[in-house]
Amino acid sequence: MQRYFIRKFLAGLTIAVPLGVTFGLAWWMLVAIDGWFQWVLPESLRFPGVGLLLAVLIVGALGVLASASATRERIAALERVL
């Protein structure tokens, strides 16, 4: 009975931990980026949620970089090293 519970608990952790980390990082990005860019942006572009817009743009730009052939080769080389 104890082994059963431990296995089910660990299975639950394998789902809960990545979800928690993902949502935690997403929340941090939204709050942090909002704060970082509020003083840089002109008054007309300062609105709540500008962090969300910038986060989407940053993640999209990272996706474009990751799909470029030169970047893929560098990522593959880094993965081989790791």
C-alpha atoms as a PDB file:
ATOM      1  CA  MET A   1       0.000   0.000   0.000  1.00  0.00           C
ATOM      2  CA  GLN A   2       2.809   2.374   0.850  1.00  0.00           C
ATOM      3  CA  ARG A   3       4.640   1.696  -2.430  1.00  0.00           C
ATOM      4  CA  TYR A   4       1.423   2.284  -4.343  1.00  0.00           C
ATOM      5  CA  PHE A   5       0.964   5.670  -2.684  1.00  0.00           C
ATOM      6  CA  ILE A   6       4.595   6.662  -3.283  1.00  0.00           C
ATOM      7  CA  ARG A   7       4.361   5.737  -6.972  1.00  0.00           C
ATOM      8  CA  LYS A   8       1.127   7.684  -7.415  1.00  0.00           C
ATOM      9  CA  PHE A   9       2.550  10.637  -5.497  1.00  0.00           C
ATOM     10  CA  LEU A  10       5.656  10.732  -7.708  1.00  0.00           C
ATOM     11  CA  ALA A  11       3.490  10.420 -10.819  1.00  0.00           C
ATOM     12  CA  GLY A  12       1.488  13.411  -9.628  1.00  0.00           C
ATOM     13  CA  LEU A  13       4.694  15.363  -9.027  1.00  0.00           C
ATOM     14  CA  THR A  14       5.847  14.703 -12.586  1.00  0.00           C
ATOM     15  CA  ILE A  15       2.746  16.576 -13.731  1.00  0.00           C
ATOM     16  CA  ALA A  16       2.457  19.233 -11.018  1.00  0.00           C
ATOM     17  CA  VAL A  17       6.063  20.437 -10.936  1.00  0.00           C
ATOM     18  CA  PRO A  18       6.432  21.300 -14.646  1.00  0.00           C
ATOM     19  CA  LEU A  19       3.017  22.981 -14.631  1.00  0.00           C
ATOM     20  CA  GLY A  20       3.915  24.990 -11.539  1.00  0.00           C
ATOM     21  CA  VAL A  21       7.257  26.037 -12.966  1.00  0.00           C
ATOM     22  CA  THR A  22       5.696  26.996 -16.308  1.00  0.00           C
ATOM     23  CA  PHE A  23       2.937  29.081 -14.777  1.00  0.00           C
ATOM     24  CA  GLY A  24       5.321  30.601 -12.232  1.00  0.00           C
ATOM     25  CA  LEU A  25       7.756  31.663 -14.946  1.00  0.00           C
ATOM     26  CA  ALA A  26       4.935  33.006 -17.100  1.00  0.00           C
ATOM     27  CA  TRP A  27       3.607  35.076 -14.199  1.00  0.00           C
ATOM     28  CA  TRP A  28       7.104  36.331 -13.367  1.00  0.00           C
ATOM     29  CA  MET A  29       7.676  37.300 -17.003  1.00  0.00           C
ATOM     30  CA  LEU A  30       4.449  39.262 -17.138  1.00  0.00           C
ATOM     31  CA  VAL A  31       5.099  41.148 -13.913  1.00  0.00           C
ATOM     32  CA  ALA A  32       8.818  41.687 -14.462  1.00  0.00           C
ATOM     33  CA  ILE A  33       8.586  42.785 -18.072  1.00  0.00           C
ATOM     34  CA  ASP A  34       5.720  45.139 -17.214  1.00  0.00           C
ATOM     35  CA  GLY A  35       7.962  46.755 -14.612  1.00  0.00           C
ATOM     36  CA  TRP A  36      11.078  46.864 -16.769  1.00  0.00           C
ATOM     37  CA  PHE A  37       9.489  48.589 -19.720  1.00  0.00           C
ATOM     38  CA  GLN A  38       7.176  51.027 -17.946  1.00  0.00           C
ATOM     39  CA  TRP A  39       9.981  53.558 -17.547  1.00  0.00           C
ATOM     40  CA  VAL A  40      11.373  53.024 -21.059  1.00  0.00           C
ATOM     41  CA  LEU A  41       8.145  53.323 -23.017  1.00  0.00           C
ATOM     42  CA  PRO A  42       6.595  56.680 -23.846  1.00  0.00           C
ATOM     43  CA  GLU A  43       3.549  57.685 -21.803  1.00  0.00           C
ATOM     44  CA  SER A  44       1.179  56.838 -24.674  1.00  0.00           C
ATOM     45  CA  LEU A  45       2.379  53.187 -24.724  1.00  0.00           C
ATOM     46  CA  ARG A  46       2.220  52.601 -20.969  1.00  0.00           C
ATOM     47  CA  PHE A  47      -0.729  50.403 -20.161  1.00  0.00           C
ATOM     48  CA  PRO A  48      -1.293  47.346 -17.983  1.00  0.00           C
ATOM     49  CA  GLY A  49      -0.451  44.218 -19.926  1.00  0.00           C
ATOM     50  CA  VAL A  50       2.305  45.677 -22.069  1.00  0.00           C
ATOM     51  CA  GLY A  51       4.453  42.990 -20.426  1.00  0.00           C
ATOM     52  CA  LEU A  52       2.207  40.317 -21.907  1.00  0.00           C
ATOM     53  CA  LEU A  53       2.583  41.799 -25.376  1.00  0.00           C
ATOM     54  CA  LEU A  54       6.350  42.107 -25.029  1.00  0.00           C
ATOM     55  CA  ALA A  55       6.632  38.578 -23.590  1.00  0.00           C
ATOM     56  CA  VAL A  56       4.767  37.181 -26.595  1.00  0.00           C
ATOM     57  CA  LEU A  57       7.043  39.105 -28.942  1.00  0.00           C
ATOM     58  CA  ILE A  58      10.191  37.961 -27.124  1.00  0.00           C
ATOM     59  CA  VAL A  59       9.103  34.303 -27.093  1.00  0.00           C
ATOM     60  CA  GLY A  60       8.149  34.553 -30.767  1.00  0.00           C
ATOM     61  CA  ALA A  61      11.546  36.031 -31.608  1.00  0.00           C
ATOM     62  CA  LEU A  62      13.235  33.187 -29.715  1.00  0.00           C
ATOM     63  CA  GLY A  63      11.159  30.734 -31.743  1.00  0.00           C
ATOM     64  CA  VAL A  64      12.299  32.335 -34.979  1.00  0.00           C
ATOM     65  CA  LEU A  65      15.912  32.188 -33.839  1.00  0.00           C
ATOM     66  CA  ALA A  66      15.573  28.562 -32.751  1.00  0.00           C
ATOM     67  CA  SER A  67      14.182  27.542 -36.129  1.00  0.00           C
ATOM     68  CA  ALA A  68      16.964  29.221 -38.119  1.00  0.00           C
ATOM     69  CA  SER A  69      19.410  26.677 -39.547  1.00  0.00           C
ATOM     70  CA  ALA A  70      22.502  28.381 -38.113  1.00  0.00           C
ATOM     71  CA  THR A  71      20.932  28.476 -34.673  1.00  0.00           C
ATOM     72  CA  ARG A  72      19.823  24.853 -34.888  1.00  0.00           C
ATOM     73  CA  GLU A  73      23.424  23.816 -35.543  1.00  0.00           C
ATOM     74  CA  ARG A  74      24.627  25.768 -32.500  1.00  0.00           C
ATOM     75  CA  ILE A  75      21.878  24.325 -30.320  1.00  0.00           C
ATOM     76  CA  ALA A  76      22.775  20.810 -31.513  1.00  0.00           C
ATOM     77  CA  ALA A  77      26.430  21.439 -30.692  1.00  0.00           C
ATOM     78  CA  LEU A  78      25.466  22.690 -27.240  1.00  0.00           C
ATOM     79  CA  GLU A  79      23.284  19.618 -26.670  1.00  0.00           C
ATOM     80  CA  ARG A  80      26.190  17.360 -27.632  1.00  0.00           C
ATOM     81  CA  VAL A  81      28.383  19.102 -25.069  1.00  0.00           C
ATOM     82  CA  LEU A  82      25.755  18.803 -22.373  1.00  0.00           C
END
